[in-house]
Amino acid sequence: MSSQSQLPVQDGLIHALKLNQAGLASSMETLEAAEGTWLHFDAGQPSVTEWLLEHGGLNAIAVGALTSEETRPRVLRRGDNVVVTLRGVNCLSDEGAEDMVSVRIWTNGTRIMSARLRQLPSTERLVAQLSAGDGPSSIPELLVDWIENIIDDMAETIAKLEDDLTKAESGIDSEEPVFTRQTIVAIRKRALTLRRYMAPQREALTRLSTETPTWLDEYFRVRLRDITDRLIRYIEDLDEIRDRAILAQEELAARLADEMNRKTYVFTIVAVVFLPLGFLTGLLGVNVGGVPGLDEPQAFNYLIFLCLAISVGLLGYFKWRRLM
């Protein structure tokens, strides 16, 4: 192989593996797009695009799908050449699992070339299996195993989302309302973000399992349909989480409204009780002649007794009418 088809690791090559029939892969000393090889690139390096166009044997559409910055899950097929773009949950950064990482795969059934911008745990696990001799033994099996790893990684994330929502629901009565509301809103946003990519991913896998190339036999098609069913179940779980979050928000809003109404009612009762008292004391406090009790030594005591009698009378009336 000529030196022109070699690509230094620092220029974008992540790994170059040669598969055998025993589930083991060995690293390649020279970079070549040969049968049974898996070339994995860093799509952020400009030299990757150049190498794929000149030495990878791919057309411009396939290269663009592998190296574009913004991607949505999809499947492109032309004959036996297939481009699969998927998203996996992010378990390796502080951004959160809903910050989904894209992986782009091109294959013709005999070799695979893939690219990513960020590290994906499902990819690293697959490489570890191949290094240990416990990985796929063919390119179609590698593709299906990779897709299965990506989908299975979503289960733990969705389960954690359900647990967080359950804790938030149980804290509606006991926790600080503002904190609980913020928690529920955050969970709902996470669920919506996950579903944003999982819904088109379902369509992509459905298309891959139905419009299959010739090298994807019935066994792998059945596996793909099973993986798609799991993905549909995860999407349904996200829909349930979203609906539960909406109900929890409504319940929290109703409880806050009830609490506010109770406080407002108490303030209203207090205002009604003190309104005649304020009127009475204000009337007796005017600086004009003829104010009753002006020369009476016990007038103040009488006034206090009158105010207490009015207050007790009003409270008794409210109690009788079941207003409090």
C-alpha atoms as a PDB file:
ATOM      1  CA  MET A   1       0.000   0.000   0.000  1.00  0.00           C
ATOM      2  CA  SER A   2       1.303   3.481  -0.852  1.00  0.00           C
ATOM      3  CA  SER A   3       2.202   6.016   1.786  1.00  0.00           C
ATOM      4  CA  GLN A   4      -0.480   8.343   0.458  1.00  0.00           C
ATOM      5  CA  SER A   5      -3.191   6.148   1.949  1.00  0.00           C
ATOM      6  CA  GLN A   6      -1.683   6.323   5.404  1.00  0.00           C
ATOM      7  CA  LEU A   7      -3.165   8.642   7.997  1.00  0.00           C
ATOM      8  CA  PRO A   8      -1.295   9.446  11.231  1.00  0.00           C
ATOM      9  CA  VAL A   9      -3.293   8.902  14.423  1.00  0.00           C
ATOM     10  CA  GLN A  10      -2.917  12.544  15.382  1.00  0.00           C
ATOM     11  CA  ASP A  11      -4.608  13.523  12.113  1.00  0.00           C
ATOM     12  CA  GLY A  12      -7.904  11.856  12.941  1.00  0.00           C
ATOM     13  CA  LEU A  13      -7.612   8.076  13.041  1.00  0.00           C
ATOM     14  CA  ILE A  14      -8.976   6.656  16.307  1.00  0.00           C
ATOM     15  CA  HIS A  15      -8.463   2.986  15.526  1.00  0.00           C
ATOM     16  CA  ALA A  16      -7.999   0.634  12.578  1.00  0.00           C
ATOM     17  CA  LEU A  17      -9.029  -2.956  13.301  1.00  0.00           C
ATOM     18  CA  LYS A  18      -8.960  -6.143  11.250  1.00  0.00           C
ATOM     19  CA  LEU A  19     -11.659  -8.670  12.183  1.00  0.00           C
ATOM     20  CA  ASN A  20     -11.225 -12.426  12.055  1.00  0.00           C
ATOM     21  CA  GLN A  21     -13.769 -15.232  12.278  1.00  0.00           C
ATOM     22  CA  ALA A  22     -13.244 -15.858  16.011  1.00  0.00           C
ATOM     23  CA  GLY A  23     -14.571 -12.577  17.416  1.00  0.00           C
ATOM     24  CA  LEU A  24     -11.084 -11.103  17.735  1.00  0.00           C
ATOM     25  CA  ALA A  25      -9.725  -7.961  16.080  1.00  0.00           C
ATOM     26  CA  SER A  26      -6.134  -6.912  15.647  1.00  0.00           C
ATOM     27  CA  SER A  27      -4.767  -3.429  15.084  1.00  0.00           C
ATOM     28  CA  MET A  28      -3.582  -2.612  11.587  1.00  0.00           C
ATOM     29  CA  GLU A  29      -0.130  -1.133  11.125  1.00  0.00           C
ATOM     30  CA  THR A  30      -1.102   0.526   7.864  1.00  0.00           C
ATOM     31  CA  LEU A  31      -4.395   2.166   7.072  1.00  0.00           C
ATOM     32  CA  GLU A  32      -6.287   0.458   4.269  1.00  0.00           C
ATOM     33  CA  ALA A  33      -9.936   0.142   3.336  1.00  0.00           C
ATOM     34  CA  ALA A  34      -9.882  -3.629   2.919  1.00  0.00           C
ATOM     35  CA  GLU A  35     -12.354  -6.425   3.519  1.00  0.00           C
ATOM     36  CA  GLY A  36     -13.061  -7.187   7.171  1.00  0.00           C
ATOM     37  CA  THR A  37     -11.688  -3.864   8.436  1.00  0.00           C
ATOM     38  CA  TRP A  38     -13.165  -1.286  10.775  1.00  0.00           C
ATOM     39  CA  LEU A  39     -11.739   2.208  10.461  1.00  0.00           C
ATOM     40  CA  HIS A  40     -12.931   4.682  13.085  1.00  0.00           C
ATOM     41  CA  PHE A  41     -12.180   8.402  12.676  1.00  0.00           C
ATOM     42  CA  ASP A  42     -12.462  11.698  14.492  1.00  0.00           C
ATOM     43  CA  ALA A  43     -14.862  13.652  12.268  1.00  0.00           C
ATOM     44  CA  GLY A  44     -13.531  16.951  13.594  1.00  0.00           C
ATOM     45  CA  GLN A  45     -10.209  16.585  11.766  1.00  0.00           C
ATOM     46  CA  PRO A  46     -10.146  18.091   8.246  1.00  0.00           C
ATOM     47  CA  SER A  47      -7.693  15.448   7.010  1.00  0.00           C
ATOM     48  CA  VAL A  48     -10.341  12.760   7.568  1.00  0.00           C
ATOM     49  CA  THR A  49     -12.596  14.199   4.871  1.00  0.00           C
ATOM     50  CA  GLU A  50      -9.685  14.368   2.439  1.00  0.00           C
ATOM     51  CA  TRP A  51      -8.636  10.777   3.113  1.00  0.00           C
ATOM     52  CA  LEU A  52     -12.172   9.396   2.800  1.00  0.00           C
ATOM     53  CA  LEU A  53     -12.638  11.098  -0.552  1.00  0.00           C
ATOM     54  CA  GLU A  54      -9.241  10.092  -1.979  1.00  0.00           C
ATOM     55  CA  HIS A  55      -8.570   6.692  -0.422  1.00  0.00           C
ATOM     56  CA  GLY A  56     -11.751   5.494   1.277  1.00  0.00           C
ATOM     57  CA  GLY A  57     -13.694   4.787  -1.875  1.00  0.00           C
ATOM     58  CA  LEU A  58     -16.715   6.817  -0.733  1.00  0.00           C
ATOM     59  CA  ASN A  59     -18.707   9.354  -2.704  1.00  0.00           C
ATOM     60  CA  ALA A  60     -19.255  12.917  -1.539  1.00  0.00           C
ATOM     61  CA  ILE A  61     -22.682  12.168  -0.048  1.00  0.00           C
ATOM     62  CA  ALA A  62     -21.346   9.382   2.167  1.00  0.00           C
ATOM     63  CA  VAL A  63     -18.339  11.455   3.210  1.00  0.00           C
ATOM     64  CA  GLY A  64     -20.594  14.381   4.058  1.00  0.00           C
ATOM     65  CA  ALA A  65     -22.797  12.125   6.196  1.00  0.00           C
ATOM     66  CA  LEU A  66     -19.741  10.847   8.085  1.00  0.00           C
ATOM     67  CA  THR A  67     -18.121  14.216   8.732  1.00  0.00           C
ATOM     68  CA  SER A  68     -20.944  16.760   9.071  1.00  0.00           C
ATOM     69  CA  GLU A  69     -21.165  18.591  12.409  1.00  0.00           C
ATOM     70  CA  GLU A  70     -24.956  18.479  12.821  1.00  0.00           C
ATOM     71  CA  THR A  71     -26.636  15.105  12.394  1.00  0.00           C
ATOM     72  CA  ARG A  72     -30.000  13.540  13.046  1.00  0.00           C
ATOM     73  CA  PRO A  73     -30.602   9.781  13.156  1.00  0.00           C
ATOM     74  CA  ARG A  74     -31.213   8.466   9.662  1.00  0.00           C
ATOM     75  CA  VAL A  75     -30.406   5.676   7.217  1.00  0.00           C
ATOM     76  CA  LEU A  76     -29.212   6.269   3.656  1.00  0.00           C
ATOM     77  CA  ARG A  77     -28.982   3.322   1.274  1.00  0.00           C
ATOM     78  CA  ARG A  78     -27.662   2.992  -2.235  1.00  0.00           C
ATOM     79  CA  GLY A  79     -27.484  -0.583  -3.369  1.00  0.00           C
ATOM     80  CA  ASP A  80     -25.442  -2.484  -0.807  1.00  0.00           C
ATOM     81  CA  ASN A  81     -23.870   0.696   0.575  1.00  0.00           C
ATOM     82  CA  VAL A  82     -25.534   1.928   3.762  1.00  0.00           C
ATOM     83  CA  VAL A  83     -24.935   5.022   5.871  1.00  0.00           C
ATOM     84  CA  VAL A  84     -26.368   4.857   9.394  1.00  0.00           C
ATOM     85  CA  THR A  85     -26.386   7.893  11.673  1.00  0.00           C
ATOM     86  CA  LEU A  86     -27.393   7.254  15.287  1.00  0.00           C
ATOM     87  CA  ARG A  87     -27.333   8.992  18.662  1.00  0.00           C
ATOM     88  CA  GLY A  88     -26.300   7.443  21.960  1.00  0.00           C
ATOM     89  CA  VAL A  89     -26.656   8.657  25.525  1.00  0.00           C
ATOM     90  CA  ASN A  90     -23.708  10.576  26.913  1.00  0.00           C
ATOM     91  CA  CYS A  91     -22.387   8.881  30.059  1.00  0.00           C
ATOM     92  CA  LEU A  92     -18.887  10.365  29.986  1.00  0.00           C
ATOM     93  CA  SER A  93     -19.395  14.075  30.681  1.00  0.00           C
ATOM     94  CA  ASP A  94     -21.139  16.430  33.079  1.00  0.00           C
ATOM     95  CA  GLU A  95     -23.555  17.621  30.405  1.00  0.00           C
ATOM     96  CA  GLY A  96     -25.978  14.793  31.202  1.00  0.00           C
ATOM     97  CA  ALA A  97     -27.105  11.686  29.365  1.00  0.00           C
ATOM     98  CA  GLU A  98     -29.652  13.692  27.366  1.00  0.00           C
ATOM     99  CA  ASP A  99     -26.713  15.447  25.667  1.00  0.00           C
ATOM    100  CA  MET A 100     -26.681  12.668  23.086  1.00  0.00           C
ATOM    101  CA  VAL A 101     -23.543  11.799  21.132  1.00  0.00           C
ATOM    102  CA  SER A 102     -23.714  11.051  17.427  1.00  0.00           C
ATOM    103  CA  VAL A 103     -22.000   8.208  15.613  1.00  0.00           C
ATOM    104  CA  ARG A 104     -21.872   7.911  11.822  1.00  0.00           C
ATOM    105  CA  ILE A 105     -21.347   4.533  10.112  1.00  0.00           C
ATOM    106  CA  TRP A 106     -20.777   3.585   6.485  1.00  0.00           C
ATOM    107  CA  THR A 107     -20.653  -0.063   5.445  1.00  0.00           C
ATOM    108  CA  ASN A 108     -21.066  -2.232   2.385  1.00  0.00           C
ATOM    109  CA  GLY A 109     -21.239  -5.488   4.319  1.00  0.00           C
ATOM    110  CA  THR A 110     -17.538  -6.301   3.932  1.00  0.00           C
ATOM    111  CA  ARG A 111     -15.955  -3.302   5.681  1.00  0.00           C
ATOM    112  CA  ILE A 112     -16.975  -0.466   7.982  1.00  0.00           C
ATOM    113  CA  MET A 113     -15.828   3.133   8.199  1.00  0.00           C
ATOM    114  CA  SER A 114     -17.213   5.260  10.990  1.00  0.00           C
ATOM    115  CA  ALA A 115     -16.691   8.688  12.544  1.00  0.00           C
ATOM    116  CA  ARG A 116     -17.565  10.533  15.720  1.00  0.00           C
ATOM    117  CA  LEU A 117     -16.993  13.927  17.291  1.00  0.00           C
ATOM    118  CA  ARG A 118     -17.129  12.759  20.920  1.00  0.00           C
ATOM    119  CA  GLN A 119     -16.463   9.492  22.680  1.00  0.00           C
ATOM    120  CA  LEU A 120     -19.365   7.059  23.025  1.00  0.00           C
ATOM    121  CA  PRO A 121     -19.355   4.296  25.692  1.00  0.00           C
ATOM    122  CA  SER A 122     -21.051   1.750  23.412  1.00  0.00           C
ATOM    123  CA  THR A 123     -18.220   2.108  20.889  1.00  0.00           C
ATOM    124  CA  GLU A 124     -15.524   1.664  23.523  1.00  0.00           C
ATOM    125  CA  ARG A 125     -17.283  -1.409  24.902  1.00  0.00           C
ATOM    126  CA  LEU A 126     -17.427  -2.965  21.441  1.00  0.00           C
ATOM    127  CA  VAL A 127     -13.708  -2.332  20.923  1.00  0.00           C
ATOM    128  CA  ALA A 128     -12.983  -3.932  24.306  1.00  0.00           C
ATOM    129  CA  GLN A 129     -14.972  -7.033  23.299  1.00  0.00           C
ATOM    130  CA  LEU A 130     -13.026  -7.318  20.051  1.00  0.00           C
ATOM    131  CA  SER A 131      -9.734  -6.944  21.904  1.00  0.00           C
ATOM    132  CA  ALA A 132     -10.744  -9.728  24.301  1.00  0.00           C
ATOM    133  CA  GLY A 133     -11.811 -12.090  21.521  1.00  0.00           C
ATOM    134  CA  ASP A 134     -15.474 -11.881  22.513  1.00  0.00           C
ATOM    135  CA  GLY A 135     -16.685  -9.571  19.777  1.00  0.00           C
ATOM    136  CA  PRO A 136     -18.509  -9.948  16.465  1.00  0.00           C
ATOM    137  CA  SER A 137     -16.933 -12.116  13.798  1.00  0.00           C
ATOM    138  CA  SER A 138     -18.294 -10.342  10.718  1.00  0.00           C
ATOM    139  CA  ILE A 139     -19.073  -6.839   9.533  1.00  0.00           C
ATOM    140  CA  PRO A 140     -22.881  -7.310   9.576  1.00  0.00           C
ATOM    141  CA  GLU A 141     -22.655  -8.689  13.111  1.00  0.00           C
ATOM    142  CA  LEU A 142     -20.446  -5.747  14.106  1.00  0.00           C
ATOM    143  CA  LEU A 143     -23.025  -3.289  12.798  1.00  0.00           C
ATOM    144  CA  VAL A 144     -25.957  -4.957  14.581  1.00  0.00           C
ATOM    145  CA  ASP A 145     -24.004  -5.391  17.843  1.00  0.00           C
ATOM    146  CA  TRP A 146     -23.004  -1.731  17.732  1.00  0.00           C
ATOM    147  CA  ILE A 147     -26.592  -0.607  17.222  1.00  0.00           C
ATOM    148  CA  GLU A 148     -27.741  -2.890  20.047  1.00  0.00           C
ATOM    149  CA  ASN A 149     -25.129  -1.443  22.417  1.00  0.00           C
ATOM    150  CA  ILE A 150     -26.264   2.093  21.602  1.00  0.00           C
ATOM    151  CA  ILE A 151     -29.937   1.277  22.250  1.00  0.00           C
ATOM    152  CA  ASP A 152     -29.304  -0.796  25.390  1.00  0.00           C
ATOM    153  CA  ASP A 153     -27.353   2.062  26.972  1.00  0.00           C
ATOM    154  CA  MET A 154     -30.572   4.074  27.001  1.00  0.00           C
ATOM    155  CA  ALA A 155     -32.273   1.724  29.478  1.00  0.00           C
ATOM    156  CA  GLU A 156     -30.282   2.861  32.512  1.00  0.00           C
ATOM    157  CA  THR A 157     -30.739   6.522  31.647  1.00  0.00           C
ATOM    158  CA  ILE A 158     -34.514   6.178  31.309  1.00  0.00           C
ATOM    159  CA  ALA A 159     -34.714   4.155  34.536  1.00  0.00           C
ATOM    160  CA  LYS A 160     -32.813   6.902  36.381  1.00  0.00           C
ATOM    161  CA  LEU A 161     -35.159   9.488  34.893  1.00  0.00           C
ATOM    162  CA  GLU A 162     -38.145   7.520  36.197  1.00  0.00           C
ATOM    163  CA  ASP A 163     -36.562   7.277  39.671  1.00  0.00           C
ATOM    164  CA  ASP A 164     -35.898  11.022  39.741  1.00  0.00           C
ATOM    165  CA  LEU A 165     -39.495  11.728  38.767  1.00  0.00           C
ATOM    166  CA  THR A 166     -40.813   9.340  41.438  1.00  0.00           C
ATOM    167  CA  LYS A 167     -38.757  11.148  44.085  1.00  0.00           C
ATOM    168  CA  ALA A 168     -40.015  14.503  42.833  1.00  0.00           C
ATOM    169  CA  GLU A 169     -43.620  13.279  42.947  1.00  0.00           C
ATOM    170  CA  SER A 170     -43.189  12.076  46.518  1.00  0.00           C
ATOM    171  CA  GLY A 171     -41.736  15.459  47.471  1.00  0.00           C
ATOM    172  CA  ILE A 172     -44.728  17.491  46.290  1.00  0.00           C
ATOM    173  CA  ASP A 173     -46.168  17.514  49.825  1.00  0.00           C
ATOM    174  CA  SER A 174     -42.963  17.584  51.857  1.00  0.00           C
ATOM    175  CA  GLU A 175     -40.286  19.422  49.888  1.00  0.00           C
ATOM    176  CA  GLU A 176     -39.901  23.101  49.099  1.00  0.00           C
ATOM    177  CA  PRO A 177     -42.440  23.815  46.313  1.00  0.00           C
ATOM    178  CA  VAL A 178     -40.084  25.983  44.244  1.00  0.00           C
ATOM    179  CA  PHE A 179     -37.315  23.355  44.351  1.00  0.00           C
ATOM    180  CA  THR A 180     -39.763  20.564  43.494  1.00  0.00           C
ATOM    181  CA  ARG A 181     -41.163  22.551  40.584  1.00  0.00           C
ATOM    182  CA  GLN A 182     -37.664  23.204  39.220  1.00  0.00           C
ATOM    183  CA  THR A 183     -36.821  19.514  39.553  1.00  0.00           C
ATOM    184  CA  ILE A 184     -39.936  18.434  37.657  1.00  0.00           C
ATOM    185  CA  VAL A 185     -39.315  20.978  34.905  1.00  0.00           C
ATOM    186  CA  ALA A 186     -35.725  19.737  34.543  1.00  0.00           C
ATOM    187  CA  ILE A 187     -36.897  16.113  34.289  1.00  0.00           C
ATOM    188  CA  ARG A 188     -39.462  17.052  31.674  1.00  0.00           C
ATOM    189  CA  LYS A 189     -36.828  18.879  29.603  1.00  0.00           C
ATOM    190  CA  ARG A 190     -34.497  15.881  29.811  1.00  0.00           C
ATOM    191  CA  ALA A 191     -37.252  13.542  28.644  1.00  0.00           C
ATOM    192  CA  LEU A 192     -38.138  15.827  25.733  1.00  0.00           C
ATOM    193  CA  THR A 193     -34.485  16.094  24.689  1.00  0.00           C
ATOM    194  CA  LEU A 194     -34.029  12.335  24.718  1.00  0.00           C
ATOM    195  CA  ARG A 195     -37.212  11.792  22.732  1.00  0.00           C
ATOM    196  CA  ARG A 196     -36.168  14.376  20.190  1.00  0.00           C
ATOM    197  CA  TYR A 197     -33.456  12.040  18.902  1.00  0.00           C
ATOM    198  CA  MET A 198     -34.989   8.687  19.778  1.00  0.00           C
ATOM    199  CA  ALA A 199     -38.094   9.186  17.642  1.00  0.00           C
ATOM    200  CA  PRO A 200     -36.210   9.632  14.332  1.00  0.00           C
ATOM    201  CA  GLN A 201     -33.846   6.858  15.466  1.00  0.00           C
ATOM    202  CA  ARG A 202     -36.825   4.522  15.589  1.00  0.00           C
ATOM    203  CA  GLU A 203     -37.709   5.446  12.007  1.00  0.00           C
ATOM    204  CA  ALA A 204     -34.107   4.893  10.919  1.00  0.00           C
ATOM    205  CA  LEU A 205     -33.908   1.421  12.471  1.00  0.00           C
ATOM    206  CA  THR A 206     -37.305   0.495  11.074  1.00  0.00           C
ATOM    207  CA  ARG A 207     -36.100   1.424   7.608  1.00  0.00           C
ATOM    208  CA  LEU A 208     -32.861  -0.499   8.075  1.00  0.00           C
ATOM    209  CA  SER A 209     -34.722  -3.641   9.159  1.00  0.00           C
ATOM    210  CA  THR A 210     -37.205  -3.488   6.258  1.00  0.00           C
ATOM    211  CA  GLU A 211     -35.229  -2.045   3.335  1.00  0.00           C
ATOM    212  CA  THR A 212     -32.224  -4.231   3.992  1.00  0.00           C
ATOM    213  CA  PRO A 213     -29.208  -4.684   1.707  1.00  0.00           C
ATOM    214  CA  THR A 214     -28.411  -8.156   0.382  1.00  0.00           C
ATOM    215  CA  TRP A 215     -25.638  -8.808   2.935  1.00  0.00           C
ATOM    216  CA  LEU A 216     -27.999  -8.392   5.914  1.00  0.00           C
ATOM    217  CA  ASP A 217     -29.609 -11.836   6.247  1.00  0.00           C
ATOM    218  CA  GLU A 218     -32.815 -12.826   8.021  1.00  0.00           C
ATOM    219  CA  TYR A 219     -31.107 -13.443  11.372  1.00  0.00           C
ATOM    220  CA  PHE A 220     -29.781  -9.895  11.538  1.00  0.00           C
ATOM    221  CA  ARG A 221     -33.088  -8.464  10.311  1.00  0.00           C
ATOM    222  CA  VAL A 222     -34.883 -10.212  13.163  1.00  0.00           C
ATOM    223  CA  ARG A 223     -32.329  -8.824  15.620  1.00  0.00           C
ATOM    224  CA  LEU A 224     -32.822  -5.339  14.219  1.00  0.00           C
ATOM    225  CA  ARG A 225     -36.594  -5.627  14.612  1.00  0.00           C
ATOM    226  CA  ASP A 226     -36.112  -6.743  18.213  1.00  0.00           C
ATOM    227  CA  ILE A 227     -33.798  -3.782  18.848  1.00  0.00           C
ATOM    228  CA  THR A 228     -36.367  -1.475  17.255  1.00  0.00           C
ATOM    229  CA  ASP A 229     -39.074  -2.884  19.539  1.00  0.00           C
ATOM    230  CA  ARG A 230     -36.887  -2.097  22.552  1.00  0.00           C
ATOM    231  CA  LEU A 231     -36.351   1.420  21.284  1.00  0.00           C
ATOM    232  CA  ILE A 232     -40.118   1.859  20.826  1.00  0.00           C
ATOM    233  CA  ARG A 233     -40.627   0.722  24.421  1.00  0.00           C
ATOM    234  CA  TYR A 234     -38.075   3.278  25.622  1.00  0.00           C
ATOM    235  CA  ILE A 235     -39.868   5.997  23.661  1.00  0.00           C
ATOM    236  CA  GLU A 236     -43.159   4.953  25.250  1.00  0.00           C
ATOM    237  CA  ASP A 237     -41.466   5.132  28.665  1.00  0.00           C
ATOM    238  CA  LEU A 238     -40.335   8.672  27.849  1.00  0.00           C
ATOM    239  CA  ASP A 239     -43.882   9.585  26.833  1.00  0.00           C
ATOM    240  CA  GLU A 240     -45.107   8.233  30.160  1.00  0.00           C
ATOM    241  CA  ILE A 241     -42.433  10.204  32.025  1.00  0.00           C
ATOM    242  CA  ARG A 242     -43.466  13.348  30.159  1.00  0.00           C
ATOM    243  CA  ASP A 243     -47.145  12.813  30.972  1.00  0.00           C
ATOM    244  CA  ARG A 244     -46.363  12.078  34.621  1.00  0.00           C
ATOM    245  CA  ALA A 245     -44.247  15.225  34.797  1.00  0.00           C
ATOM    246  CA  ILE A 246     -47.128  17.269  33.376  1.00  0.00           C
ATOM    247  CA  LEU A 247     -49.531  15.777  35.934  1.00  0.00           C
ATOM    248  CA  ALA A 248     -47.022  16.416  38.725  1.00  0.00           C
ATOM    249  CA  GLN A 249     -46.676  20.033  37.600  1.00  0.00           C
ATOM    250  CA  GLU A 250     -50.447  20.435  37.551  1.00  0.00           C
ATOM    251  CA  GLU A 251     -50.763  18.838  40.994  1.00  0.00           C
ATOM    252  CA  LEU A 252     -48.039  21.073  42.374  1.00  0.00           C
ATOM    253  CA  ALA A 253     -49.650  24.146  40.828  1.00  0.00           C
ATOM    254  CA  ALA A 254     -53.024  23.145  42.300  1.00  0.00           C
ATOM    255  CA  ARG A 255     -51.498  22.667  45.754  1.00  0.00           C
ATOM    256  CA  LEU A 256     -49.740  26.013  45.543  1.00  0.00           C
ATOM    257  CA  ALA A 257     -52.986  27.645  44.446  1.00  0.00           C
ATOM    258  CA  ASP A 258     -54.869  26.001  47.349  1.00  0.00           C
ATOM    259  CA  GLU A 259     -52.232  27.178  49.791  1.00  0.00           C
ATOM    260  CA  MET A 260     -52.406  30.687  48.396  1.00  0.00           C
ATOM    261  CA  ASN A 261     -56.205  30.632  48.606  1.00  0.00           C
ATOM    262  CA  ARG A 262     -56.041  29.537  52.251  1.00  0.00           C
ATOM    263  CA  LYS A 263     -53.626  32.317  53.103  1.00  0.00           C
ATOM    264  CA  THR A 264     -55.748  34.835  51.233  1.00  0.00           C
ATOM    265  CA  TYR A 265     -58.843  33.586  53.073  1.00  0.00           C
ATOM    266  CA  VAL A 266     -57.149  34.029  56.459  1.00  0.00           C
ATOM    267  CA  PHE A 267     -56.121  37.551  55.512  1.00  0.00           C
ATOM    268  CA  THR A 268     -59.702  38.236  54.424  1.00  0.00           C
ATOM    269  CA  ILE A 269     -61.114  37.008  57.749  1.00  0.00           C
ATOM    270  CA  VAL A 270     -58.643  39.163  59.676  1.00  0.00           C
ATOM    271  CA  ALA A 271     -59.503  42.178  57.521  1.00  0.00           C
ATOM    272  CA  VAL A 272     -63.247  41.645  58.023  1.00  0.00           C
ATOM    273  CA  VAL A 273     -62.776  41.379  61.801  1.00  0.00           C
ATOM    274  CA  PHE A 274     -60.662  44.503  62.078  1.00  0.00           C
ATOM    275  CA  LEU A 275     -62.615  46.601  59.583  1.00  0.00           C
ATOM    276  CA  PRO A 276     -65.442  47.591  62.035  1.00  0.00           C
ATOM    277  CA  LEU A 277     -62.903  47.958  64.839  1.00  0.00           C
ATOM    278  CA  GLY A 278     -60.862  50.341  62.754  1.00  0.00           C
ATOM    279  CA  PHE A 279     -63.959  52.252  61.794  1.00  0.00           C
ATOM    280  CA  LEU A 280     -65.043  52.500  65.440  1.00  0.00           C
ATOM    281  CA  THR A 281     -61.668  53.626  66.811  1.00  0.00           C
ATOM    282  CA  GLY A 282     -61.251  56.045  63.931  1.00  0.00           C
ATOM    283  CA  LEU A 283     -64.654  57.555  64.558  1.00  0.00           C
ATOM    284  CA  LEU A 284     -63.973  58.012  68.272  1.00  0.00           C
ATOM    285  CA  GLY A 285     -60.584  59.511  67.564  1.00  0.00           C
ATOM    286  CA  VAL A 286     -61.815  62.572  65.680  1.00  0.00           C
ATOM    287  CA  ASN A 287     -60.958  65.904  67.308  1.00  0.00           C
ATOM    288  CA  VAL A 288     -64.440  67.370  67.491  1.00  0.00           C
ATOM    289  CA  GLY A 289     -66.747  68.093  70.365  1.00  0.00           C
ATOM    290  CA  GLY A 290     -69.382  65.622  71.445  1.00  0.00           C
ATOM    291  CA  VAL A 291     -67.221  62.464  71.299  1.00  0.00           C
ATOM    292  CA  PRO A 292     -68.919  59.943  73.679  1.00  0.00           C
ATOM    293  CA  GLY A 293     -67.043  59.156  76.902  1.00  0.00           C
ATOM    294  CA  LEU A 294     -64.703  62.112  76.637  1.00  0.00           C
ATOM    295  CA  ASP A 295     -65.145  62.938  80.331  1.00  0.00           C
ATOM    296  CA  GLU A 296     -65.786  59.352  81.493  1.00  0.00           C
ATOM    297  CA  PRO A 297     -62.802  57.782  83.380  1.00  0.00           C
ATOM    298  CA  GLN A 298     -63.814  54.206  82.370  1.00  0.00           C
ATOM    299  CA  ALA A 299     -64.517  55.056  78.724  1.00  0.00           C
ATOM    300  CA  PHE A 300     -61.330  53.357  77.492  1.00  0.00           C
ATOM    301  CA  ASN A 301     -62.220  50.107  79.268  1.00  0.00           C
ATOM    302  CA  TYR A 302     -65.677  50.243  77.783  1.00  0.00           C
ATOM    303  CA  LEU A 303     -64.166  50.723  74.329  1.00  0.00           C
ATOM    304  CA  ILE A 304     -61.896  47.714  74.760  1.00  0.00           C
ATOM    305  CA  PHE A 305     -64.812  45.578  75.901  1.00  0.00           C
ATOM    306  CA  LEU A 306     -66.897  46.746  72.938  1.00  0.00           C
ATOM    307  CA  CYS A 307     -64.112  45.887  70.486  1.00  0.00           C
ATOM    308  CA  LEU A 308     -63.713  42.416  71.986  1.00  0.00           C
ATOM    309  CA  ALA A 309     -67.458  41.864  71.857  1.00  0.00           C
ATOM    310  CA  ILE A 310     -67.586  42.854  68.184  1.00  0.00           C
ATOM    311  CA  SER A 311     -64.638  40.559  67.368  1.00  0.00           C
ATOM    312  CA  VAL A 312     -66.140  37.583  69.198  1.00  0.00           C
ATOM    313  CA  GLY A 313     -69.500  38.241  67.586  1.00  0.00           C
ATOM    314  CA  LEU A 314     -67.998  38.323  64.076  1.00  0.00           C
ATOM    315  CA  LEU A 315     -65.959  35.154  64.677  1.00  0.00           C
ATOM    316  CA  GLY A 316     -69.042  33.413  66.048  1.00  0.00           C
ATOM    317  CA  TYR A 317     -71.026  34.466  62.985  1.00  0.00           C
ATOM    318  CA  PHE A 318     -68.319  33.113  60.641  1.00  0.00           C
ATOM    319  CA  LYS A 319     -68.272  29.851  62.584  1.00  0.00           C
ATOM    320  CA  TRP A 320     -72.045  29.584  62.451  1.00  0.00           C
ATOM    321  CA  ARG A 321     -72.088  30.141  58.693  1.00  0.00           C
ATOM    322  CA  ARG A 322     -69.178  27.688  58.326  1.00  0.00           C
ATOM    323  CA  LEU A 323     -66.977  30.323  56.738  1.00  0.00           C
ATOM    324  CA  MET A 324     -63.987  29.283  58.825  1.00  0.00           C
END
